[in-house]
Amino acid sequence: MFLLSVAPLMVVLFVAALPGKPLFGVLLLIGACRFALTAVYGAGGPAVLQPAAGRTGVTLAEREAGVRRQL
């Protein structure tokens, strides 16, 4: 239930961050997608969502590591 309530909030933050910090906004959007996939799987969704959420999380971690290296 927590993930389902945080995902829309992250989308709102994505929209707010997009004009000033687009890369941060994209990271927020990827995180929101991961939270939504995990929440739907946890609520009894199809099993295909579990690896999809995992792959999304790995993508998010790779992007964040790339951003940190640039700083």
PDB file of N, CA and C in Angstrom:
ATOM      1  N   MET A   1       0.817  -1.187   0.000  1.00  0.00           N
ATOM      2  CA  MET A   1       0.000   0.000   0.000  1.00  0.00           C
ATOM      3  C   MET A   1       0.869   1.263   0.000  1.00  0.00           C
ATOM      4  N   PHE A   2       1.986   1.201   0.714  1.00  0.00           N
ATOM      5  CA  PHE A   2       2.892   2.347   0.769  1.00  0.00           C
ATOM      6  C   PHE A   2       3.404   2.701  -0.630  1.00  0.00           C
ATOM      7  N   LEU A   3       3.790   1.689  -1.388  1.00  0.00           N
ATOM      8  CA  LEU A   3       4.349   1.943  -2.720  1.00  0.00           C
ATOM      9  C   LEU A   3       3.307   2.571  -3.647  1.00  0.00           C
ATOM     10  N   LEU A   4       2.059   2.152  -3.499  1.00  0.00           N
ATOM     11  CA  LEU A   4       1.006   2.730  -4.334  1.00  0.00           C
ATOM     12  C   LEU A   4       0.725   4.189  -3.981  1.00  0.00           C
ATOM     13  N   SER A   5       1.001   4.577  -2.753  1.00  0.00           N
ATOM     14  CA  SER A   5       0.776   5.974  -2.374  1.00  0.00           C
ATOM     15  C   SER A   5       1.979   6.856  -2.709  1.00  0.00           C
ATOM     16  N   VAL A   6       3.171   6.295  -2.768  1.00  0.00           N
ATOM     17  CA  VAL A   6       4.372   7.080  -3.060  1.00  0.00           C
ATOM     18  C   VAL A   6       4.564   7.284  -4.568  1.00  0.00           C
ATOM     19  N   ALA A   7       4.173   6.323  -5.374  1.00  0.00           N
ATOM     20  CA  ALA A   7       4.390   6.426  -6.825  1.00  0.00           C
ATOM     21  C   ALA A   7       3.732   7.671  -7.429  1.00  0.00           C
ATOM     22  N   PRO A   8       2.467   7.986  -7.135  1.00  0.00           N
ATOM     23  CA  PRO A   8       1.890   9.215  -7.707  1.00  0.00           C
ATOM     24  C   PRO A   8       2.589  10.485  -7.206  1.00  0.00           C
ATOM     25  N   LEU A   9       3.027  10.471  -5.965  1.00  0.00           N
ATOM     26  CA  LEU A   9       3.764  11.616  -5.437  1.00  0.00           C
ATOM     27  C   LEU A   9       5.067  11.821  -6.205  1.00  0.00           C
ATOM     28  N   MET A  10       5.737  10.733  -6.544  1.00  0.00           N
ATOM     29  CA  MET A  10       6.974  10.836  -7.320  1.00  0.00           C
ATOM     30  C   MET A  10       6.707  11.357  -8.727  1.00  0.00           C
ATOM     31  N   VAL A  11       5.556  11.021  -9.286  1.00  0.00           N
ATOM     32  CA  VAL A  11       5.213  11.546 -10.610  1.00  0.00           C
ATOM     33  C   VAL A  11       4.978  13.058 -10.527  1.00  0.00           C
ATOM     34  N   VAL A  12       4.340  13.515  -9.460  1.00  0.00           N
ATOM     35  CA  VAL A  12       4.145  14.957  -9.271  1.00  0.00           C
ATOM     36  C   VAL A  12       5.493  15.658  -9.134  1.00  0.00           C
ATOM     37  N   LEU A  13       6.406  15.072  -8.378  1.00  0.00           N
ATOM     38  CA  LEU A  13       7.743  15.644  -8.243  1.00  0.00           C
ATOM     39  C   LEU A  13       8.496  15.627  -9.570  1.00  0.00           C
ATOM     40  N   PHE A  14       8.271  14.581 -10.360  1.00  0.00           N
ATOM     41  CA  PHE A  14       8.873  14.511 -11.700  1.00  0.00           C
ATOM     42  C   PHE A  14       8.447  15.698 -12.547  1.00  0.00           C
ATOM     43  N   VAL A  15       7.156  15.989 -12.544  1.00  0.00           N
ATOM     44  CA  VAL A  15       6.640  17.114 -13.341  1.00  0.00           C
ATOM     45  C   VAL A  15       7.232  18.428 -12.845  1.00  0.00           C
ATOM     46  N   ALA A  16       7.359  18.571 -11.525  1.00  0.00           N
ATOM     47  CA  ALA A  16       7.907  19.810 -10.970  1.00  0.00           C
ATOM     48  C   ALA A  16       9.399  19.955 -11.264  1.00  0.00           C
ATOM     49  N   ALA A  17      10.132  18.858 -11.290  1.00  0.00           N
ATOM     50  CA  ALA A  17      11.583  18.906 -11.480  1.00  0.00           C
ATOM     51  C   ALA A  17      11.981  18.999 -12.944  1.00  0.00           C
ATOM     52  N   LEU A  18      11.094  18.637 -13.845  1.00  0.00           N
ATOM     53  CA  LEU A  18      11.442  18.558 -15.259  1.00  0.00           C
ATOM     54  C   LEU A  18      11.984  19.862 -15.845  1.00  0.00           C
ATOM     55  N   PRO A  19      11.391  21.031 -15.596  1.00  0.00           N
ATOM     56  CA  PRO A  19      11.934  22.246 -16.213  1.00  0.00           C
ATOM     57  C   PRO A  19      13.334  22.624 -15.715  1.00  0.00           C
ATOM     58  N   GLY A  20      13.592  22.461 -14.427  1.00  0.00           N
ATOM     59  CA  GLY A  20      14.868  22.893 -13.874  1.00  0.00           C
ATOM     60  C   GLY A  20      15.951  21.837 -13.852  1.00  0.00           C
ATOM     61  N   LYS A  21      15.580  20.618 -13.522  1.00  0.00           N
ATOM     62  CA  LYS A  21      16.548  19.523 -13.398  1.00  0.00           C
ATOM     63  C   LYS A  21      15.974  18.287 -14.093  1.00  0.00           C
ATOM     64  N   PRO A  22      16.079  18.231 -15.413  1.00  0.00           N
ATOM     65  CA  PRO A  22      15.434  17.138 -16.140  1.00  0.00           C
ATOM     66  C   PRO A  22      15.992  15.753 -15.809  1.00  0.00           C
ATOM     67  N   LEU A  23      17.281  15.647 -15.551  1.00  0.00           N
ATOM     68  CA  LEU A  23      17.847  14.335 -15.228  1.00  0.00           C
ATOM     69  C   LEU A  23      17.290  13.814 -13.907  1.00  0.00           C
ATOM     70  N   PHE A  24      17.198  14.683 -12.918  1.00  0.00           N
ATOM     71  CA  PHE A  24      16.600  14.301 -11.634  1.00  0.00           C
ATOM     72  C   PHE A  24      15.144  13.891 -11.835  1.00  0.00           C
ATOM     73  N   GLY A  25      14.444  14.613 -12.702  1.00  0.00           N
ATOM     74  CA  GLY A  25      13.060  14.272 -12.989  1.00  0.00           C
ATOM     75  C   GLY A  25      12.919  12.897 -13.605  1.00  0.00           C
ATOM     76  N   VAL A  26      13.818  12.561 -14.513  1.00  0.00           N
ATOM     77  CA  VAL A  26      13.770  11.236 -15.143  1.00  0.00           C
ATOM     78  C   VAL A  26      14.045  10.146 -14.115  1.00  0.00           C
ATOM     79  N   LEU A  27      14.973  10.382 -13.205  1.00  0.00           N
ATOM     80  CA  LEU A  27      15.242   9.403 -12.145  1.00  0.00           C
ATOM     81  C   LEU A  27      14.012   9.201 -11.267  1.00  0.00           C
ATOM     82  N   LEU A  28      13.308  10.297 -10.983  1.00  0.00           N
ATOM     83  CA  LEU A  28      12.070  10.181 -10.206  1.00  0.00           C
ATOM     84  C   LEU A  28      11.021   9.365 -10.957  1.00  0.00           C
ATOM     85  N   LEU A  29      10.917   9.571 -12.251  1.00  0.00           N
ATOM     86  CA  LEU A  29       9.937   8.837 -13.039  1.00  0.00           C
ATOM     87  C   LEU A  29      10.266   7.349 -13.084  1.00  0.00           C
ATOM     88  N   ILE A  30      11.528   7.011 -13.261  1.00  0.00           N
ATOM     89  CA  ILE A  30      11.929   5.593 -13.255  1.00  0.00           C
ATOM     90  C   ILE A  30      11.628   4.976 -11.895  1.00  0.00           C
ATOM     91  N   GLY A  31      11.915   5.712 -10.823  1.00  0.00           N
ATOM     92  CA  GLY A  31      11.607   5.205  -9.478  1.00  0.00           C
ATOM     93  C   GLY A  31      10.119   5.000  -9.270  1.00  0.00           C
ATOM     94  N   ALA A  32       9.312   5.910  -9.773  1.00  0.00           N
ATOM     95  CA  ALA A  32       7.858   5.772  -9.651  1.00  0.00           C
ATOM     96  C   ALA A  32       7.367   4.538 -10.406  1.00  0.00           C
ATOM     97  N   CYS A  33       7.932   4.282 -11.573  1.00  0.00           N
ATOM     98  CA  CYS A  33       7.563   3.084 -12.336  1.00  0.00           C
ATOM     99  C   CYS A  33       7.928   1.819 -11.568  1.00  0.00           C
ATOM    100  N   ARG A  34       9.100   1.826 -10.973  1.00  0.00           N
ATOM    101  CA  ARG A  34       9.523   0.652 -10.199  1.00  0.00           C
ATOM    102  C   ARG A  34       8.596   0.426  -9.005  1.00  0.00           C
ATOM    103  N   PHE A  35       8.264   1.494  -8.292  1.00  0.00           N
ATOM    104  CA  PHE A  35       7.363   1.367  -7.151  1.00  0.00           C
ATOM    105  C   PHE A  35       6.001   0.839  -7.593  1.00  0.00           C
ATOM    106  N   ALA A  36       5.486   1.347  -8.707  1.00  0.00           N
ATOM    107  CA  ALA A  36       4.177   0.901  -9.187  1.00  0.00           C
ATOM    108  C   ALA A  36       4.215  -0.574  -9.592  1.00  0.00           C
ATOM    109  N   LEU A  37       5.261  -0.989 -10.295  1.00  0.00           N
ATOM    110  CA  LEU A  37       5.372  -2.398 -10.684  1.00  0.00           C
ATOM    111  C   LEU A  37       5.457  -3.308  -9.458  1.00  0.00           C
ATOM    112  N   THR A  38       6.260  -2.918  -8.486  1.00  0.00           N
ATOM    113  CA  THR A  38       6.403  -3.724  -7.271  1.00  0.00           C
ATOM    114  C   THR A  38       5.096  -3.784  -6.502  1.00  0.00           C
ATOM    115  N   ALA A  39       4.379  -2.678  -6.431  1.00  0.00           N
ATOM    116  CA  ALA A  39       3.120  -2.641  -5.688  1.00  0.00           C
ATOM    117  C   ALA A  39       2.062  -3.521  -6.352  1.00  0.00           C
ATOM    118  N   VAL A  40       1.973  -3.462  -7.663  1.00  0.00           N
ATOM    119  CA  VAL A  40       0.982  -4.291  -8.358  1.00  0.00           C
ATOM    120  C   VAL A  40       1.329  -5.769  -8.203  1.00  0.00           C
ATOM    121  N   TYR A  41       2.608  -6.104  -8.295  1.00  0.00           N
ATOM    122  CA  TYR A  41       3.015  -7.507  -8.084  1.00  0.00           C
ATOM    123  C   TYR A  41       2.691  -7.946  -6.658  1.00  0.00           C
ATOM    124  N   GLY A  42       2.996  -7.094  -5.691  1.00  0.00           N
ATOM    125  CA  GLY A  42       2.733  -7.436  -4.293  1.00  0.00           C
ATOM    126  C   GLY A  42       1.250  -7.571  -3.976  1.00  0.00           C
ATOM    127  N   ALA A  43       0.417  -6.894  -4.742  1.00  0.00           N
ATOM    128  CA  ALA A  43      -1.026  -6.968  -4.523  1.00  0.00           C
ATOM    129  C   ALA A  43      -1.662  -8.150  -5.240  1.00  0.00           C
ATOM    130  N   GLY A  44      -0.837  -9.013  -5.803  1.00  0.00           N
ATOM    131  CA  GLY A  44      -1.359 -10.209  -6.452  1.00  0.00           C
ATOM    132  C   GLY A  44      -1.349 -10.141  -7.966  1.00  0.00           C
ATOM    133  N   GLY A  45      -0.571  -9.254  -8.513  1.00  0.00           N
ATOM    134  CA  GLY A  45      -0.467  -9.133  -9.970  1.00  0.00           C
ATOM    135  C   GLY A  45       0.283 -10.305 -10.568  1.00  0.00           C
ATOM    136  N   PRO A  46       0.418 -10.318 -11.878  1.00  0.00           N
ATOM    137  CA  PRO A  46       1.094 -11.434 -12.546  1.00  0.00           C
ATOM    138  C   PRO A  46       2.575 -11.516 -12.163  1.00  0.00           C
ATOM    139  N   ALA A  47       3.093 -12.719 -12.218  1.00  0.00           N
ATOM    140  CA  ALA A  47       4.477 -12.967 -11.806  1.00  0.00           C
ATOM    141  C   ALA A  47       5.494 -12.272 -12.699  1.00  0.00           C
ATOM    142  N   VAL A  48       5.105 -11.910 -13.904  1.00  0.00           N
ATOM    143  CA  VAL A  48       6.034 -11.253 -14.821  1.00  0.00           C
ATOM    144  C   VAL A  48       6.430  -9.865 -14.305  1.00  0.00           C
ATOM    145  N   LEU A  49       5.667  -9.306 -13.396  1.00  0.00           N
ATOM    146  CA  LEU A  49       5.976  -7.976 -12.877  1.00  0.00           C
ATOM    147  C   LEU A  49       7.163  -7.981 -11.919  1.00  0.00           C
ATOM    148  N   GLN A  50       7.422  -9.101 -11.262  1.00  0.00           N
ATOM    149  CA  GLN A  50       8.542  -9.136 -10.322  1.00  0.00           C
ATOM    150  C   GLN A  50       9.888  -8.911 -11.024  1.00  0.00           C
ATOM    151  N   PRO A  51      10.224  -9.654 -12.085  1.00  0.00           N
ATOM    152  CA  PRO A  51      11.496  -9.356 -12.757  1.00  0.00           C
ATOM    153  C   PRO A  51      11.491  -7.999 -13.460  1.00  0.00           C
ATOM    154  N   ALA A  52      10.329  -7.554 -13.911  1.00  0.00           N
ATOM    155  CA  ALA A  52      10.263  -6.231 -14.549  1.00  0.00           C
ATOM    156  C   ALA A  52      10.601  -5.138 -13.536  1.00  0.00           C
ATOM    157  N   ALA A  53      10.083  -5.271 -12.322  1.00  0.00           N
ATOM    158  CA  ALA A  53      10.400  -4.302 -11.272  1.00  0.00           C
ATOM    159  C   ALA A  53      11.882  -4.366 -10.910  1.00  0.00           C
ATOM    160  N   GLY A  54      12.441  -5.558 -10.886  1.00  0.00           N
ATOM    161  CA  GLY A  54      13.861  -5.712 -10.591  1.00  0.00           C
ATOM    162  C   GLY A  54      14.740  -5.076 -11.646  1.00  0.00           C
ATOM    163  N   ARG A  55      14.389  -5.289 -12.902  1.00  0.00           N
ATOM    164  CA  ARG A  55      15.168  -4.679 -13.988  1.00  0.00           C
ATOM    165  C   ARG A  55      15.073  -3.159 -13.952  1.00  0.00           C
ATOM    166  N   THR A  56      13.904  -2.658 -13.618  1.00  0.00           N
ATOM    167  CA  THR A  56      13.733  -1.211 -13.504  1.00  0.00           C
ATOM    168  C   THR A  56      14.596  -0.672 -12.370  1.00  0.00           C
ATOM    169  N   GLY A  57      14.669  -1.396 -11.267  1.00  0.00           N
ATOM    170  CA  GLY A  57      15.519  -0.982 -10.149  1.00  0.00           C
ATOM    171  C   GLY A  57      16.988  -0.978 -10.509  1.00  0.00           C
ATOM    172  N   VAL A  58      17.418  -1.974 -11.269  1.00  0.00           N
ATOM    173  CA  VAL A  58      18.821  -2.023 -11.703  1.00  0.00           C
ATOM    174  C   VAL A  58      19.124  -0.850 -12.627  1.00  0.00           C
ATOM    175  N   THR A  59      18.206  -0.548 -13.529  1.00  0.00           N
ATOM    176  CA  THR A  59      18.386   0.597 -14.423  1.00  0.00           C
ATOM    177  C   THR A  59      18.501   1.882 -13.626  1.00  0.00           C
ATOM    178  N   LEU A  60      17.653   2.026 -12.633  1.00  0.00           N
ATOM    179  CA  LEU A  60      17.688   3.216 -11.785  1.00  0.00           C
ATOM    180  C   LEU A  60      19.022   3.328 -11.058  1.00  0.00           C
ATOM    181  N   ALA A  61      19.516   2.221 -10.526  1.00  0.00           N
ATOM    182  CA  ALA A  61      20.795   2.243  -9.810  1.00  0.00           C
ATOM    183  C   ALA A  61      21.953   2.590 -10.755  1.00  0.00           C
ATOM    184  N   GLU A  62      21.908   2.065 -11.958  1.00  0.00           N
ATOM    185  CA  GLU A  62      22.965   2.375 -12.930  1.00  0.00           C
ATOM    186  C   GLU A  62      22.953   3.854 -13.297  1.00  0.00           C
ATOM    187  N   ARG A  63      21.777   4.412 -13.500  1.00  0.00           N
ATOM    188  CA  ARG A  63      21.672   5.835 -13.859  1.00  0.00           C
ATOM    189  C   ARG A  63      22.149   6.711 -12.708  1.00  0.00           C
ATOM    190  N   GLU A  64      21.780   6.340 -11.488  1.00  0.00           N
ATOM    191  CA  GLU A  64      22.207   7.135 -10.335  1.00  0.00           C
ATOM    192  C   GLU A  64      23.723   7.081 -10.174  1.00  0.00           C
ATOM    193  N   ALA A  65      24.302   5.921 -10.384  1.00  0.00           N
ATOM    194  CA  ALA A  65      25.759   5.807 -10.293  1.00  0.00           C
ATOM    195  C   ALA A  65      26.427   6.656 -11.359  1.00  0.00           C
ATOM    196  N   GLY A  66      25.874   6.710 -12.547  1.00  0.00           N
ATOM    197  CA  GLY A  66      26.414   7.546 -13.601  1.00  0.00           C
ATOM    198  C   GLY A  66      26.335   9.027 -13.258  1.00  0.00           C
ATOM    199  N   VAL A  67      25.247   9.428 -12.625  1.00  0.00           N
ATOM    200  CA  VAL A  67      25.081  10.828 -12.218  1.00  0.00           C
ATOM    201  C   VAL A  67      26.098  11.175 -11.137  1.00  0.00           C
ATOM    202  N   ARG A  68      26.295  10.280 -10.209  1.00  0.00           N
ATOM    203  CA  ARG A  68      27.258  10.553  -9.126  1.00  0.00           C
ATOM    204  C   ARG A  68      28.675  10.670  -9.661  1.00  0.00           C
ATOM    205  N   ARG A  69      29.017   9.860 -10.674  1.00  0.00           N
ATOM    206  CA  ARG A  69      30.356   9.947 -11.251  1.00  0.00           C
ATOM    207  C   ARG A  69      30.568  11.289 -11.953  1.00  0.00           C
ATOM    208  N   GLN A  70      29.511  11.843 -12.518  1.00  0.00           N
ATOM    209  CA  GLN A  70      29.624  13.121 -13.210  1.00  0.00           C
ATOM    210  C   GLN A  70      29.813  14.278 -12.236  1.00  0.00           C
ATOM    211  N   LEU A  71      29.327  14.101 -11.011  1.00  0.00           N
ATOM    212  CA  LEU A  71      29.469  15.182 -10.022  1.00  0.00           C
ATOM    213  C   LEU A  71      30.860  15.131  -9.472  1.00  0.00           C
TER     214      LEU A  71
END
